[in-house]
Amino acid sequence: MKSLDEDGFVIVENLLPLPLLEALRNEMHEMLGPVGRNSFEGFQTQRIYLVLARTSSCNPLIEHPLVLDLLDTFFLTRAILSGLQA
């Protein structure tokens, strides 16, 4: 992918269907804690750590064939995606 090679990132639009995104948004909203604790996180941000350990609703995202292909392209072998934050 051109943007991955040139910019180091890629944005994939419409990867997941809207009903799944809405369900993920609702579940993530319930897990959000207080705003950031320090200058690294920012004092106006909210974060969710260990998302994969806390819910399986993100599995369609990390198991999506395009995501797996991107991992293969970037890492040159099948990677294990084990960390997800929101």
C-alpha atoms as a PDB file:
ATOM      1  CA  MET A   1       0.000   0.000   0.000  1.00  0.00           C
ATOM      2  CA  LYS A   2       1.399   3.318  -1.085  1.00  0.00           C
ATOM      3  CA  SER A   3       0.476   5.283   2.064  1.00  0.00           C
ATOM      4  CA  LEU A   4       1.984   2.603   4.318  1.00  0.00           C
ATOM      5  CA  ASP A   5       5.267   2.739   2.403  1.00  0.00           C
ATOM      6  CA  GLU A   6       5.393   6.539   2.172  1.00  0.00           C
ATOM      7  CA  ASP A   7       3.763   7.668   5.421  1.00  0.00           C
ATOM      8  CA  GLY A   8       4.127   4.683   7.754  1.00  0.00           C
ATOM      9  CA  PHE A   9       0.393   4.340   8.334  1.00  0.00           C
ATOM     10  CA  VAL A  10      -2.782   3.510   6.492  1.00  0.00           C
ATOM     11  CA  ILE A  11      -6.384   4.492   7.104  1.00  0.00           C
ATOM     12  CA  VAL A  12      -8.919   1.871   6.105  1.00  0.00           C
ATOM     13  CA  GLU A  13     -12.369   3.355   5.720  1.00  0.00           C
ATOM     14  CA  ASN A  14     -15.516   1.276   6.165  1.00  0.00           C
ATOM     15  CA  LEU A  15     -13.607  -1.776   7.378  1.00  0.00           C
ATOM     16  CA  LEU A  16     -16.402  -2.945   9.661  1.00  0.00           C
ATOM     17  CA  PRO A  17     -20.176  -2.692   9.234  1.00  0.00           C
ATOM     18  CA  LEU A  18     -21.939   0.147  11.044  1.00  0.00           C
ATOM     19  CA  PRO A  19     -23.915  -2.085  13.481  1.00  0.00           C
ATOM     20  CA  LEU A  20     -20.667  -3.626  14.716  1.00  0.00           C
ATOM     21  CA  LEU A  21     -19.048  -0.206  15.085  1.00  0.00           C
ATOM     22  CA  GLU A  22     -22.006   1.036  17.100  1.00  0.00           C
ATOM     23  CA  ALA A  23     -21.818  -2.001  19.387  1.00  0.00           C
ATOM     24  CA  LEU A  24     -18.062  -1.450  19.859  1.00  0.00           C
ATOM     25  CA  ARG A  25     -18.585   2.246  20.566  1.00  0.00           C
ATOM     26  CA  ASN A  26     -21.228   1.479  23.186  1.00  0.00           C
ATOM     27  CA  GLU A  27     -19.080  -1.147  24.878  1.00  0.00           C
ATOM     28  CA  MET A  28     -15.984   1.086  24.864  1.00  0.00           C
ATOM     29  CA  HIS A  29     -18.013   3.982  26.284  1.00  0.00           C
ATOM     30  CA  GLU A  30     -18.934   1.832  29.286  1.00  0.00           C
ATOM     31  CA  MET A  31     -15.232   1.073  29.935  1.00  0.00           C
ATOM     32  CA  LEU A  32     -13.942   4.631  29.712  1.00  0.00           C
ATOM     33  CA  GLY A  33     -12.423   5.848  32.914  1.00  0.00           C
ATOM     34  CA  PRO A  34     -11.330   9.258  34.133  1.00  0.00           C
ATOM     35  CA  VAL A  35      -9.330  11.613  31.943  1.00  0.00           C
ATOM     36  CA  GLY A  36      -5.554  11.195  31.545  1.00  0.00           C
ATOM     37  CA  ARG A  37      -3.353  10.966  34.597  1.00  0.00           C
ATOM     38  CA  ASN A  38      -0.144  12.579  33.375  1.00  0.00           C
ATOM     39  CA  SER A  39       1.474  14.716  30.685  1.00  0.00           C
ATOM     40  CA  PHE A  40       2.297  11.665  28.540  1.00  0.00           C
ATOM     41  CA  GLU A  41      -1.332  10.518  28.349  1.00  0.00           C
ATOM     42  CA  GLY A  42      -2.624  14.052  28.370  1.00  0.00           C
ATOM     43  CA  PHE A  43      -4.927  15.512  30.945  1.00  0.00           C
ATOM     44  CA  GLN A  44      -7.945  15.700  28.636  1.00  0.00           C
ATOM     45  CA  THR A  45      -7.845  12.178  27.137  1.00  0.00           C
ATOM     46  CA  GLN A  46      -9.576   8.980  28.125  1.00  0.00           C
ATOM     47  CA  ARG A  47      -7.952   5.608  27.481  1.00  0.00           C
ATOM     48  CA  ILE A  48      -8.822   1.958  27.738  1.00  0.00           C
ATOM     49  CA  TYR A  49      -5.905  -0.428  28.175  1.00  0.00           C
ATOM     50  CA  LEU A  50      -5.982  -4.213  27.717  1.00  0.00           C
ATOM     51  CA  VAL A  51      -9.032  -4.062  25.462  1.00  0.00           C
ATOM     52  CA  LEU A  52      -8.509  -7.593  24.123  1.00  0.00           C
ATOM     53  CA  ALA A  53      -8.432  -9.006  27.648  1.00  0.00           C
ATOM     54  CA  ARG A  54     -11.570  -7.123  28.638  1.00  0.00           C
ATOM     55  CA  THR A  55     -13.847  -7.898  25.687  1.00  0.00           C
ATOM     56  CA  SER A  56     -14.119 -10.210  22.691  1.00  0.00           C
ATOM     57  CA  SER A  57     -16.227  -7.759  20.708  1.00  0.00           C
ATOM     58  CA  CYS A  58     -13.056  -6.391  19.058  1.00  0.00           C
ATOM     59  CA  ASN A  59     -12.174  -9.779  17.587  1.00  0.00           C
ATOM     60  CA  PRO A  60     -13.752  -9.007  14.180  1.00  0.00           C
ATOM     61  CA  LEU A  61     -11.347  -6.079  13.919  1.00  0.00           C
ATOM     62  CA  ILE A  62      -8.149  -7.934  14.787  1.00  0.00           C
ATOM     63  CA  GLU A  63      -9.185 -11.027  12.803  1.00  0.00           C
ATOM     64  CA  HIS A  64     -10.206  -9.097   9.682  1.00  0.00           C
ATOM     65  CA  PRO A  65      -8.413 -10.435   6.565  1.00  0.00           C
ATOM     66  CA  LEU A  66      -7.275  -6.952   5.507  1.00  0.00           C
ATOM     67  CA  VAL A  67      -5.801  -6.253   8.954  1.00  0.00           C
ATOM     68  CA  LEU A  68      -3.993  -9.597   8.853  1.00  0.00           C
ATOM     69  CA  ASP A  69      -2.698  -8.804   5.354  1.00  0.00           C
ATOM     70  CA  LEU A  70      -1.401  -5.442   6.573  1.00  0.00           C
ATOM     71  CA  LEU A  71       0.397  -7.184   9.436  1.00  0.00           C
ATOM     72  CA  ASP A  72       1.926  -9.644   6.962  1.00  0.00           C
ATOM     73  CA  THR A  73       3.042  -6.747   4.750  1.00  0.00           C
ATOM     74  CA  PHE A  74       4.511  -4.754   7.598  1.00  0.00           C
ATOM     75  CA  PHE A  75       6.119  -7.571   9.598  1.00  0.00           C
ATOM     76  CA  LEU A  76       6.782  -9.964   6.687  1.00  0.00           C
ATOM     77  CA  THR A  77       5.302 -12.879   8.605  1.00  0.00           C
ATOM     78  CA  ARG A  78       2.100 -13.693  10.455  1.00  0.00           C
ATOM     79  CA  ALA A  79       2.137 -11.564  13.580  1.00  0.00           C
ATOM     80  CA  ILE A  80       0.164 -12.074  16.751  1.00  0.00           C
ATOM     81  CA  LEU A  81      -1.843  -8.999  17.572  1.00  0.00           C
ATOM     82  CA  SER A  82      -1.994  -8.964  21.344  1.00  0.00           C
ATOM     83  CA  GLY A  83      -2.293  -5.333  22.364  1.00  0.00           C
ATOM     84  CA  LEU A  84      -5.222  -3.081  21.632  1.00  0.00           C
ATOM     85  CA  GLN A  85      -6.007   0.271  23.206  1.00  0.00           C
ATOM     86  CA  ALA A  86      -8.835   2.684  22.769  1.00  0.00           C
END
